[in-house]
Amino acid sequence: MGREYEPTVGQWYEDLENEETFQVLKVDEDKEIVEIQHLDGDIEELDVDGWTELDLELTEEPEGWSGSKAEKDEEDEDDDWEEDEDDDDDDDLDDDDDEDHEEY
């Protein structure tokens, strides 16, 4: 069995026994639950006993990772910005309409 690591939100771990990499999303100390997200995007909850049975090593965020909740939240903010940008385009259309009316 590998070293025992405390679950740390945002930290990446490699489960050596199952050859899986995952990130800790949430630690609920009251319920003694650790929520993790696997590379394929699946989210799993482990109880504290299940966590301590894992053969873990610390690892880095996988290259090209795009599935974390934090990044999705950031993308949502980008989408909001793009919607604002689209609103500017609507103003441009109104300007074009005004130009058409000036020709009459």
PDB file of N, CA and C in Angstrom:
ATOM      1  N   MET A   1       0.840  -1.174   0.000  1.00  0.00           N
ATOM      2  CA  MET A   1       0.000   0.000   0.000  1.00  0.00           C
ATOM      3  C   MET A   1       0.887   1.239   0.000  1.00  0.00           C
ATOM      4  N   GLY A   2       0.451   2.298  -0.754  1.00  0.00           N
ATOM      5  CA  GLY A   2       1.225   3.521  -0.852  1.00  0.00           C
ATOM      6  C   GLY A   2       1.062   4.384   0.372  1.00  0.00           C
ATOM      7  N   ARG A   3       1.589   5.568   0.272  1.00  0.00           N
ATOM      8  CA  ARG A   3       1.475   6.507   1.384  1.00  0.00           C
ATOM      9  C   ARG A   3       0.029   6.939   1.546  1.00  0.00           C
ATOM     10  N   GLU A   4      -0.325   7.274   2.775  1.00  0.00           N
ATOM     11  CA  GLU A   4      -1.674   7.779   3.022  1.00  0.00           C
ATOM     12  C   GLU A   4      -1.648   9.293   2.883  1.00  0.00           C
ATOM     13  N   TYR A   5      -2.528   9.819   2.052  1.00  0.00           N
ATOM     14  CA  TYR A   5      -2.640  11.248   1.838  1.00  0.00           C
ATOM     15  C   TYR A   5      -4.020  11.706   2.293  1.00  0.00           C
ATOM     16  N   GLU A   6      -4.047  12.873   2.909  1.00  0.00           N
ATOM     17  CA  GLU A   6      -5.325  13.484   3.251  1.00  0.00           C
ATOM     18  C   GLU A   6      -5.952  13.980   1.942  1.00  0.00           C
ATOM     19  N   PRO A   7      -7.254  13.837   1.778  1.00  0.00           N
ATOM     20  CA  PRO A   7      -7.897  14.372   0.571  1.00  0.00           C
ATOM     21  C   PRO A   7      -7.868  15.900   0.591  1.00  0.00           C
ATOM     22  N   THR A   8      -7.331  16.479  -0.465  1.00  0.00           N
ATOM     23  CA  THR A   8      -7.201  17.922  -0.580  1.00  0.00           C
ATOM     24  C   THR A   8      -7.936  18.386  -1.825  1.00  0.00           C
ATOM     25  N   VAL A   9      -8.886  19.305  -1.661  1.00  0.00           N
ATOM     26  CA  VAL A   9      -9.667  19.805  -2.785  1.00  0.00           C
ATOM     27  C   VAL A   9      -8.738  20.404  -3.837  1.00  0.00           C
ATOM     28  N   GLY A  10      -8.940  20.002  -5.088  1.00  0.00           N
ATOM     29  CA  GLY A  10      -8.142  20.494  -6.203  1.00  0.00           C
ATOM     30  C   GLY A  10      -6.905  19.665  -6.492  1.00  0.00           C
ATOM     31  N   GLN A  11      -6.515  18.801  -5.569  1.00  0.00           N
ATOM     32  CA  GLN A  11      -5.314  17.976  -5.741  1.00  0.00           C
ATOM     33  C   GLN A  11      -5.622  16.773  -6.631  1.00  0.00           C
ATOM     34  N   TRP A  12      -4.661  16.421  -7.457  1.00  0.00           N
ATOM     35  CA  TRP A  12      -4.766  15.247  -8.318  1.00  0.00           C
ATOM     36  C   TRP A  12      -4.037  14.078  -7.664  1.00  0.00           C
ATOM     37  N   TYR A  13      -4.615  12.886  -7.791  1.00  0.00           N
ATOM     38  CA  TYR A  13      -4.048  11.667  -7.226  1.00  0.00           C
ATOM     39  C   TYR A  13      -4.079  10.575  -8.284  1.00  0.00           C
ATOM     40  N   GLU A  14      -3.152   9.652  -8.155  1.00  0.00           N
ATOM     41  CA  GLU A  14      -3.181   8.454  -8.993  1.00  0.00           C
ATOM     42  C   GLU A  14      -3.455   7.267  -8.088  1.00  0.00           C
ATOM     43  N   ASP A  15      -4.510   6.526  -8.428  1.00  0.00           N
ATOM     44  CA  ASP A  15      -4.845   5.285  -7.733  1.00  0.00           C
ATOM     45  C   ASP A  15      -3.978   4.215  -8.391  1.00  0.00           C
ATOM     46  N   LEU A  16      -2.916   3.808  -7.714  1.00  0.00           N
ATOM     47  CA  LEU A  16      -1.936   2.894  -8.296  1.00  0.00           C
ATOM     48  C   LEU A  16      -2.511   1.508  -8.559  1.00  0.00           C
ATOM     49  N   GLU A  17      -3.404   1.058  -7.713  1.00  0.00           N
ATOM     50  CA  GLU A  17      -3.985  -0.271  -7.872  1.00  0.00           C
ATOM     51  C   GLU A  17      -4.858  -0.354  -9.120  1.00  0.00           C
ATOM     52  N   ASN A  18      -5.670   0.681  -9.348  1.00  0.00           N
ATOM     53  CA  ASN A  18      -6.589   0.674 -10.496  1.00  0.00           C
ATOM     54  C   ASN A  18      -6.057   1.456 -11.691  1.00  0.00           C
ATOM     55  N   GLU A  19      -4.865   2.050 -11.530  1.00  0.00           N
ATOM     56  CA  GLU A  19      -4.241   2.850 -12.582  1.00  0.00           C
ATOM     57  C   GLU A  19      -5.192   3.920 -13.103  1.00  0.00           C
ATOM     58  N   GLU A  20      -5.777   4.672 -12.165  1.00  0.00           N
ATOM     59  CA  GLU A  20      -6.703   5.745 -12.504  1.00  0.00           C
ATOM     60  C   GLU A  20      -6.221   7.045 -11.871  1.00  0.00           C
ATOM     61  N   THR A  21      -6.444   8.136 -12.589  1.00  0.00           N
ATOM     62  CA  THR A  21      -6.110   9.452 -12.090  1.00  0.00           C
ATOM     63  C   THR A  21      -7.403  10.198 -11.814  1.00  0.00           C
ATOM     64  N   PHE A  22      -7.427  10.926 -10.702  1.00  0.00           N
ATOM     65  CA  PHE A  22      -8.633  11.673 -10.358  1.00  0.00           C
ATOM     66  C   PHE A  22      -8.269  12.908  -9.558  1.00  0.00           C
ATOM     67  N   GLN A  23      -9.236  13.814  -9.469  1.00  0.00           N
ATOM     68  CA  GLN A  23      -9.077  15.051  -8.718  1.00  0.00           C
ATOM     69  C   GLN A  23     -10.123  15.080  -7.609  1.00  0.00           C
ATOM     70  N   VAL A  24      -9.735  15.592  -6.451  1.00  0.00           N
ATOM     71  CA  VAL A  24     -10.692  15.764  -5.358  1.00  0.00           C
ATOM     72  C   VAL A  24     -11.474  17.054  -5.605  1.00  0.00           C
ATOM     73  N   LEU A  25     -12.802  16.928  -5.642  1.00  0.00           N
ATOM     74  CA  LEU A  25     -13.666  18.079  -5.850  1.00  0.00           C
ATOM     75  C   LEU A  25     -14.164  18.677  -4.545  1.00  0.00           C
ATOM     76  N   LYS A  26     -14.435  17.799  -3.582  1.00  0.00           N
ATOM     77  CA  LYS A  26     -15.075  18.268  -2.350  1.00  0.00           C
ATOM     78  C   LYS A  26     -14.778  17.294  -1.225  1.00  0.00           C
ATOM     79  N   VAL A  27     -14.595  17.826  -0.030  1.00  0.00           N
ATOM     80  CA  VAL A  27     -14.423  17.007   1.162  1.00  0.00           C
ATOM     81  C   VAL A  27     -15.470  17.475   2.172  1.00  0.00           C
ATOM     82  N   ASP A  28     -16.392  16.582   2.522  1.00  0.00           N
ATOM     83  CA  ASP A  28     -17.424  16.889   3.512  1.00  0.00           C
ATOM     84  C   ASP A  28     -17.061  16.161   4.795  1.00  0.00           C
ATOM     85  N   GLU A  29     -16.454  16.900   5.720  1.00  0.00           N
ATOM     86  CA  GLU A  29     -15.976  16.283   6.959  1.00  0.00           C
ATOM     87  C   GLU A  29     -17.131  15.826   7.844  1.00  0.00           C
ATOM     88  N   ASP A  30     -18.267  16.531   7.789  1.00  0.00           N
ATOM     89  CA  ASP A  30     -19.422  16.142   8.612  1.00  0.00           C
ATOM     90  C   ASP A  30     -19.982  14.789   8.175  1.00  0.00           C
ATOM     91  N   LYS A  31     -20.119  14.606   6.861  1.00  0.00           N
ATOM     92  CA  LYS A  31     -20.656  13.347   6.338  1.00  0.00           C
ATOM     93  C   LYS A  31     -19.564  12.312   6.097  1.00  0.00           C
ATOM     94  N   GLU A  32     -18.301  12.728   6.259  1.00  0.00           N
ATOM     95  CA  GLU A  32     -17.140  11.881   6.008  1.00  0.00           C
ATOM     96  C   GLU A  32     -17.161  11.318   4.586  1.00  0.00           C
ATOM     97  N   ILE A  33     -17.364  12.243   3.632  1.00  0.00           N
ATOM     98  CA  ILE A  33     -17.443  11.888   2.214  1.00  0.00           C
ATOM     99  C   ILE A  33     -16.387  12.685   1.444  1.00  0.00           C
ATOM    100  N   VAL A  34     -15.739  12.020   0.490  1.00  0.00           N
ATOM    101  CA  VAL A  34     -14.802  12.666  -0.415  1.00  0.00           C
ATOM    102  C   VAL A  34     -15.374  12.521  -1.820  1.00  0.00           C
ATOM    103  N   GLU A  35     -15.605  13.642  -2.487  1.00  0.00           N
ATOM    104  CA  GLU A  35     -16.130  13.619  -3.854  1.00  0.00           C
ATOM    105  C   GLU A  35     -14.962  13.786  -4.817  1.00  0.00           C
ATOM    106  N   ILE A  36     -14.841  12.848  -5.761  1.00  0.00           N
ATOM    107  CA  ILE A  36     -13.738  12.887  -6.729  1.00  0.00           C
ATOM    108  C   ILE A  36     -14.291  12.888  -8.144  1.00  0.00           C
ATOM    109  N   GLN A  37     -13.469  13.367  -9.081  1.00  0.00           N
ATOM    110  CA  GLN A  37     -13.828  13.334 -10.491  1.00  0.00           C
ATOM    111  C   GLN A  37     -12.721  12.636 -11.264  1.00  0.00           C
ATOM    112  N   HIS A  38     -13.108  11.591 -11.988  1.00  0.00           N
ATOM    113  CA  HIS A  38     -12.175  10.826 -12.806  1.00  0.00           C
ATOM    114  C   HIS A  38     -11.908  11.555 -14.125  1.00  0.00           C
ATOM    115  N   LEU A  39     -10.890  11.128 -14.828  1.00  0.00           N
ATOM    116  CA  LEU A  39     -10.533  11.747 -16.103  1.00  0.00           C
ATOM    117  C   LEU A  39     -11.662  11.714 -17.118  1.00  0.00           C
ATOM    118  N   ASP A  40     -12.500  10.676 -17.060  1.00  0.00           N
ATOM    119  CA  ASP A  40     -13.600  10.571 -18.024  1.00  0.00           C
ATOM    120  C   ASP A  40     -14.787  11.453 -17.641  1.00  0.00           C
ATOM    121  N   GLY A  41     -14.648  12.214 -16.539  1.00  0.00           N
ATOM    122  CA  GLY A  41     -15.694  13.129 -16.107  1.00  0.00           C
ATOM    123  C   GLY A  41     -16.638  12.556 -15.065  1.00  0.00           C
ATOM    124  N   ASP A  42     -16.565  11.231 -14.836  1.00  0.00           N
ATOM    125  CA  ASP A  42     -17.434  10.605 -13.838  1.00  0.00           C
ATOM    126  C   ASP A  42     -17.091  11.130 -12.454  1.00  0.00           C
ATOM    127  N   ILE A  43     -18.138  11.419 -11.688  1.00  0.00           N
ATOM    128  CA  ILE A  43     -17.969  11.874 -10.317  1.00  0.00           C
ATOM    129  C   ILE A  43     -18.369  10.749  -9.381  1.00  0.00           C
ATOM    130  N   GLU A  44     -17.556  10.553  -8.362  1.00  0.00           N
ATOM    131  CA  GLU A  44     -17.780   9.453  -7.423  1.00  0.00           C
ATOM    132  C   GLU A  44     -17.617   9.982  -6.003  1.00  0.00           C
ATOM    133  N   GLU A  45     -18.410   9.429  -5.099  1.00  0.00           N
ATOM    134  CA  GLU A  45     -18.263   9.760  -3.686  1.00  0.00           C
ATOM    135  C   GLU A  45     -17.673   8.565  -2.961  1.00  0.00           C
ATOM    136  N   LEU A  46     -16.655   8.828  -2.161  1.00  0.00           N
ATOM    137  CA  LEU A  46     -16.022   7.787  -1.351  1.00  0.00           C
ATOM    138  C   LEU A  46     -16.219   8.136   0.108  1.00  0.00           C
ATOM    139  N   ASP A  47     -16.450   7.125   0.936  1.00  0.00           N
ATOM    140  CA  ASP A  47     -16.449   7.406   2.371  1.00  0.00           C
ATOM    141  C   ASP A  47     -14.998   7.418   2.833  1.00  0.00           C
ATOM    142  N   VAL A  48     -14.778   7.907   4.022  1.00  0.00           N
ATOM    143  CA  VAL A  48     -13.418   8.048   4.541  1.00  0.00           C
ATOM    144  C   VAL A  48     -12.691   6.702   4.577  1.00  0.00           C
ATOM    145  N   ASP A  49     -13.406   5.644   4.938  1.00  0.00           N
ATOM    146  CA  ASP A  49     -12.780   4.313   4.969  1.00  0.00           C
ATOM    147  C   ASP A  49     -12.331   3.898   3.570  1.00  0.00           C
ATOM    148  N   GLY A  50     -13.165   4.166   2.570  1.00  0.00           N
ATOM    149  CA  GLY A  50     -12.800   3.848   1.188  1.00  0.00           C
ATOM    150  C   GLY A  50     -11.577   4.621   0.737  1.00  0.00           C
ATOM    151  N   TRP A  51     -11.505   5.887   1.162  1.00  0.00           N
ATOM    152  CA  TRP A  51     -10.348   6.720   0.814  1.00  0.00           C
ATOM    153  C   TRP A  51      -9.062   6.141   1.383  1.00  0.00           C
ATOM    154  N   THR A  52      -9.104   5.749   2.654  1.00  0.00           N
ATOM    155  CA  THR A  52      -7.882   5.262   3.297  1.00  0.00           C
ATOM    156  C   THR A  52      -7.415   3.932   2.722  1.00  0.00           C
ATOM    157  N   GLU A  53      -8.295   3.190   2.061  1.00  0.00           N
ATOM    158  CA  GLU A  53      -7.916   1.920   1.454  1.00  0.00           C
ATOM    159  C   GLU A  53      -7.230   2.088   0.107  1.00  0.00           C
ATOM    160  N   LEU A  54      -7.308   3.290  -0.488  1.00  0.00           N
ATOM    161  CA  LEU A  54      -6.711   3.521  -1.801  1.00  0.00           C
ATOM    162  C   LEU A  54      -5.187   3.566  -1.705  1.00  0.00           C
ATOM    163  N   ASP A  55      -4.536   3.036  -2.725  1.00  0.00           N
ATOM    164  CA  ASP A  55      -3.081   3.083  -2.862  1.00  0.00           C
ATOM    165  C   ASP A  55      -2.773   4.287  -3.747  1.00  0.00           C
ATOM    166  N   LEU A  56      -2.479   5.424  -3.131  1.00  0.00           N
ATOM    167  CA  LEU A  56      -2.398   6.690  -3.852  1.00  0.00           C
ATOM    168  C   LEU A  56      -0.993   7.262  -3.929  1.00  0.00           C
ATOM    169  N   GLU A  57      -0.774   8.007  -4.985  1.00  0.00           N
ATOM    170  CA  GLU A  57       0.396   8.857  -5.146  1.00  0.00           C
ATOM    171  C   GLU A  57      -0.108  10.210  -5.625  1.00  0.00           C
ATOM    172  N   LEU A  58       0.555  11.279  -5.205  1.00  0.00           N
ATOM    173  CA  LEU A  58       0.233  12.607  -5.718  1.00  0.00           C
ATOM    174  C   LEU A  58       0.665  12.695  -7.170  1.00  0.00           C
ATOM    175  N   THR A  59      -0.089  13.411  -7.977  1.00  0.00           N
ATOM    176  CA  THR A  59       0.270  13.596  -9.376  1.00  0.00           C
ATOM    177  C   THR A  59      -0.136  14.995  -9.812  1.00  0.00           C
ATOM    178  N   GLU A  60       0.288  15.365 -10.995  1.00  0.00           N
ATOM    179  CA  GLU A  60      -0.032  16.676 -11.557  1.00  0.00           C
ATOM    180  C   GLU A  60      -1.312  16.592 -12.375  1.00  0.00           C
ATOM    181  N   GLU A  61      -1.924  17.742 -12.623  1.00  0.00           N
ATOM    182  CA  GLU A  61      -3.097  17.793 -13.497  1.00  0.00           C
ATOM    183  C   GLU A  61      -2.710  17.270 -14.874  1.00  0.00           C
ATOM    184  N   PRO A  62      -3.502  16.361 -15.427  1.00  0.00           N
ATOM    185  CA  PRO A  62      -3.181  15.809 -16.745  1.00  0.00           C
ATOM    186  C   PRO A  62      -3.178  16.899 -17.822  1.00  0.00           C
ATOM    187  N   GLU A  63      -2.255  16.770 -18.752  1.00  0.00           N
ATOM    188  CA  GLU A  63      -2.160  17.728 -19.844  1.00  0.00           C
ATOM    189  C   GLU A  63      -3.438  17.686 -20.671  1.00  0.00           C
ATOM    190  N   GLY A  64      -3.972  18.839 -20.978  1.00  0.00           N
ATOM    191  CA  GLY A  64      -5.173  18.913 -21.797  1.00  0.00           C
ATOM    192  C   GLY A  64      -6.456  18.666 -21.035  1.00  0.00           C
ATOM    193  N   TRP A  65      -6.402  18.611 -19.723  1.00  0.00           N
ATOM    194  CA  TRP A  65      -7.597  18.348 -18.909  1.00  0.00           C
ATOM    195  C   TRP A  65      -8.607  19.470 -19.132  1.00  0.00           C
ATOM    196  N   SER A  66      -9.856  19.092 -19.385  1.00  0.00           N
ATOM    197  CA  SER A  66     -10.890  20.102 -19.617  1.00  0.00           C
ATOM    198  C   SER A  66     -12.191  19.779 -18.916  1.00  0.00           C
ATOM    199  N   GLY A  67     -12.153  18.880 -17.934  1.00  0.00           N
ATOM    200  CA  GLY A  67     -13.400  18.452 -17.336  1.00  0.00           C
ATOM    201  C   GLY A  67     -13.690  18.943 -15.939  1.00  0.00           C
ATOM    202  N   SER A  68     -12.849  19.774 -15.367  1.00  0.00           N
ATOM    203  CA  SER A  68     -13.102  20.165 -13.983  1.00  0.00           C
ATOM    204  C   SER A  68     -14.241  21.154 -13.884  1.00  0.00           C
ATOM    205  N   LYS A  69     -14.904  21.148 -12.759  1.00  0.00           N
ATOM    206  CA  LYS A  69     -16.020  22.057 -12.531  1.00  0.00           C
ATOM    207  C   LYS A  69     -15.563  23.504 -12.587  1.00  0.00           C
ATOM    208  N   ALA A  70     -14.414  23.794 -12.060  1.00  0.00           N
ATOM    209  CA  ALA A  70     -13.920  25.168 -12.038  1.00  0.00           C
ATOM    210  C   ALA A  70     -13.759  25.697 -13.456  1.00  0.00           C
ATOM    211  N   GLU A  71     -13.220  24.879 -14.342  1.00  0.00           N
ATOM    212  CA  GLU A  71     -13.043  25.312 -15.720  1.00  0.00           C
ATOM    213  C   GLU A  71     -14.385  25.495 -16.405  1.00  0.00           C
ATOM    214  N   LYS A  72     -15.362  24.646 -16.106  1.00  0.00           N
ATOM    215  CA  LYS A  72     -16.682  24.796 -16.699  1.00  0.00           C
ATOM    216  C   LYS A  72     -17.333  26.086 -16.235  1.00  0.00           C
ATOM    217  N   ASP A  73     -17.157  26.449 -14.968  1.00  0.00           N
ATOM    218  CA  ASP A  73     -17.684  27.703 -14.456  1.00  0.00           C
ATOM    219  C   ASP A  73     -17.040  28.871 -15.186  1.00  0.00           C
ATOM    220  N   GLU A  74     -15.737  28.760 -15.436  1.00  0.00           N
ATOM    221  CA  GLU A  74     -15.013  29.798 -16.148  1.00  0.00           C
ATOM    222  C   GLU A  74     -15.533  29.915 -17.579  1.00  0.00           C
ATOM    223  N   GLU A  75     -15.818  28.787 -18.218  1.00  0.00           N
ATOM    224  CA  GLU A  75     -16.367  28.799 -19.571  1.00  0.00           C
ATOM    225  C   GLU A  75     -17.727  29.475 -19.587  1.00  0.00           C
ATOM    226  N   ASP A  76     -18.546  29.250 -18.560  1.00  0.00           N
ATOM    227  CA  ASP A  76     -19.846  29.895 -18.476  1.00  0.00           C
ATOM    228  C   ASP A  76     -19.685  31.405 -18.435  1.00  0.00           C
ATOM    229  N   GLU A  77     -18.683  31.895 -17.704  1.00  0.00           N
ATOM    230  CA  GLU A  77     -18.421  33.325 -17.659  1.00  0.00           C
ATOM    231  C   GLU A  77     -18.033  33.822 -19.045  1.00  0.00           C
ATOM    232  N   ASP A  78     -17.224  33.052 -19.776  1.00  0.00           N
ATOM    233  CA  ASP A  78     -16.843  33.424 -21.134  1.00  0.00           C
ATOM    234  C   ASP A  78     -18.065  33.484 -22.032  1.00  0.00           C
ATOM    235  N   ASP A  79     -19.003  32.541 -21.870  1.00  0.00           N
ATOM    236  CA  ASP A  79     -20.225  32.535 -22.658  1.00  0.00           C
ATOM    237  C   ASP A  79     -21.032  33.794 -22.392  1.00  0.00           C
ATOM    238  N   ASP A  80     -21.089  34.234 -21.134  1.00  0.00           N
ATOM    239  CA  ASP A  80     -21.800  35.458 -20.796  1.00  0.00           C
ATOM    240  C   ASP A  80     -21.174  36.638 -21.519  1.00  0.00           C
ATOM    241  N   TRP A  81     -19.845  36.661 -21.571  1.00  0.00           N
ATOM    242  CA  TRP A  81     -19.149  37.738 -22.263  1.00  0.00           C
ATOM    243  C   TRP A  81     -19.490  37.729 -23.741  1.00  0.00           C
ATOM    244  N   GLU A  82     -19.528  36.534 -24.335  1.00  0.00           N
ATOM    245  CA  GLU A  82     -19.852  36.424 -25.747  1.00  0.00           C
ATOM    246  C   GLU A  82     -21.270  36.888 -26.016  1.00  0.00           C
ATOM    247  N   GLU A  83     -22.200  36.614 -25.096  1.00  0.00           N
ATOM    248  CA  GLU A  83     -23.567  37.081 -25.272  1.00  0.00           C
ATOM    249  C   GLU A  83     -23.600  38.600 -25.269  1.00  0.00           C
ATOM    250  N   ASP A  84     -22.815  39.229 -24.389  1.00  0.00           N
ATOM    251  CA  ASP A  84     -22.749  40.679 -24.367  1.00  0.00           C
ATOM    252  C   ASP A  84     -22.205  41.200 -25.685  1.00  0.00           C
ATOM    253  N   GLU A  85     -21.216  40.494 -26.221  1.00  0.00           N
ATOM    254  CA  GLU A  85     -20.635  40.876 -27.493  1.00  0.00           C
ATOM    255  C   GLU A  85     -21.679  40.770 -28.591  1.00  0.00           C
ATOM    256  N   ASP A  86     -22.517  39.738 -28.548  1.00  0.00           N
ATOM    257  CA  ASP A  86     -23.581  39.565 -29.521  1.00  0.00           C
ATOM    258  C   ASP A  86     -24.581  40.706 -29.437  1.00  0.00           C
ATOM    259  N   ASP A  87     -24.811  41.223 -28.225  1.00  0.00           N
ATOM    260  CA  ASP A  87     -25.721  42.341 -28.068  1.00  0.00           C
ATOM    261  C   ASP A  87     -25.210  43.547 -28.846  1.00  0.00           C
ATOM    262  N   ASP A  88     -23.892  43.741 -28.884  1.00  0.00           N
ATOM    263  CA  ASP A  88     -23.315  44.826 -29.653  1.00  0.00           C
ATOM    264  C   ASP A  88     -23.620  44.649 -31.129  1.00  0.00           C
ATOM    265  N   ASP A  89     -23.607  43.400 -31.607  1.00  0.00           N
ATOM    266  CA  ASP A  89     -23.926  43.117 -32.995  1.00  0.00           C
ATOM    267  C   ASP A  89     -25.359  43.521 -33.291  1.00  0.00           C
ATOM    268  N   ASP A  90     -26.256  43.315 -32.341  1.00  0.00           N
ATOM    269  CA  ASP A  90     -27.640  43.712 -32.534  1.00  0.00           C
ATOM    270  C   ASP A  90     -27.738  45.220 -32.725  1.00  0.00           C
ATOM    271  N   ASP A  91     -26.922  45.964 -31.988  1.00  0.00           N
ATOM    272  CA  ASP A  91     -26.910  47.410 -32.139  1.00  0.00           C
ATOM    273  C   ASP A  91     -26.460  47.777 -33.545  1.00  0.00           C
ATOM    274  N   ASP A  92     -25.485  47.041 -34.080  1.00  0.00           N
ATOM    275  CA  ASP A  92     -25.011  47.290 -35.428  1.00  0.00           C
ATOM    276  C   ASP A  92     -26.127  47.079 -36.429  1.00  0.00           C
ATOM    277  N   LEU A  93     -26.952  46.066 -36.226  1.00  0.00           N
ATOM    278  CA  LEU A  93     -28.064  45.816 -37.125  1.00  0.00           C
ATOM    279  C   LEU A  93     -29.050  46.967 -37.082  1.00  0.00           C
ATOM    280  N   ASP A  94     -29.275  47.521 -35.904  1.00  0.00           N
ATOM    281  CA  ASP A  94     -30.171  48.658 -35.784  1.00  0.00           C
ATOM    282  C   ASP A  94     -29.616  49.843 -36.555  1.00  0.00           C
ATOM    283  N   ASP A  95     -28.279  50.027 -36.496  1.00  0.00           N
ATOM    284  CA  ASP A  95     -27.648  51.107 -37.239  1.00  0.00           C
ATOM    285  C   ASP A  95     -27.847  50.908 -38.736  1.00  0.00           C
ATOM    286  N   ASP A  96     -27.733  49.663 -39.199  1.00  0.00           N
ATOM    287  CA  ASP A  96     -27.939  49.368 -40.613  1.00  0.00           C
ATOM    288  C   ASP A  96     -29.366  49.694 -41.008  1.00  0.00           C
ATOM    289  N   ASP A  97     -30.314  49.384 -40.155  1.00  0.00           N
ATOM    290  CA  ASP A  97     -31.701  49.678 -40.438  1.00  0.00           C
ATOM    291  C   ASP A  97     -31.899  51.183 -40.576  1.00  0.00           C
ATOM    292  N   ASP A  98     -31.241  51.957 -39.721  1.00  0.00           N
ATOM    293  CA  ASP A  98     -31.347  53.416 -39.789  1.00  0.00           C
ATOM    294  C   ASP A  98     -30.800  53.918 -41.106  1.00  0.00           C
ATOM    295  N   GLU A  99     -29.687  53.340 -41.567  1.00  0.00           N
ATOM    296  CA  GLU A  99     -29.101  53.736 -42.832  1.00  0.00           C
ATOM    297  C   GLU A  99     -30.054  53.461 -43.978  1.00  0.00           C
ATOM    298  N   ASP A 100     -30.748  52.319 -43.919  1.00  0.00           N
ATOM    299  CA  ASP A 100     -31.715  51.974 -44.959  1.00  0.00           C
ATOM    300  C   ASP A 100     -32.829  52.993 -44.981  1.00  0.00           C
ATOM    301  N   HIS A 101     -33.245  53.451 -43.830  1.00  0.00           N
ATOM    302  CA  HIS A 101     -34.340  54.408 -43.770  1.00  0.00           C
ATOM    303  C   HIS A 101     -33.899  55.775 -44.286  1.00  0.00           C
ATOM    304  N   GLU A 102     -32.626  56.125 -44.142  1.00  0.00           N
ATOM    305  CA  GLU A 102     -32.133  57.398 -44.614  1.00  0.00           C
ATOM    306  C   GLU A 102     -32.142  57.461 -46.129  1.00  0.00           C
ATOM    307  N   GLU A 103     -32.055  56.313 -46.798  1.00  0.00           N
ATOM    308  CA  GLU A 103     -32.016  56.295 -48.250  1.00  0.00           C
ATOM    309  C   GLU A 103     -33.360  56.652 -48.861  1.00  0.00           C
ATOM    310  N   TYR A 104     -34.455  56.527 -48.117  1.00  0.00           N
ATOM    311  CA  TYR A 104     -35.792  56.784 -48.672  1.00  0.00           C
ATOM    312  C   TYR A 104     -36.040  58.220 -48.905  1.00  0.00           C
TER     313      TYR A 104
END
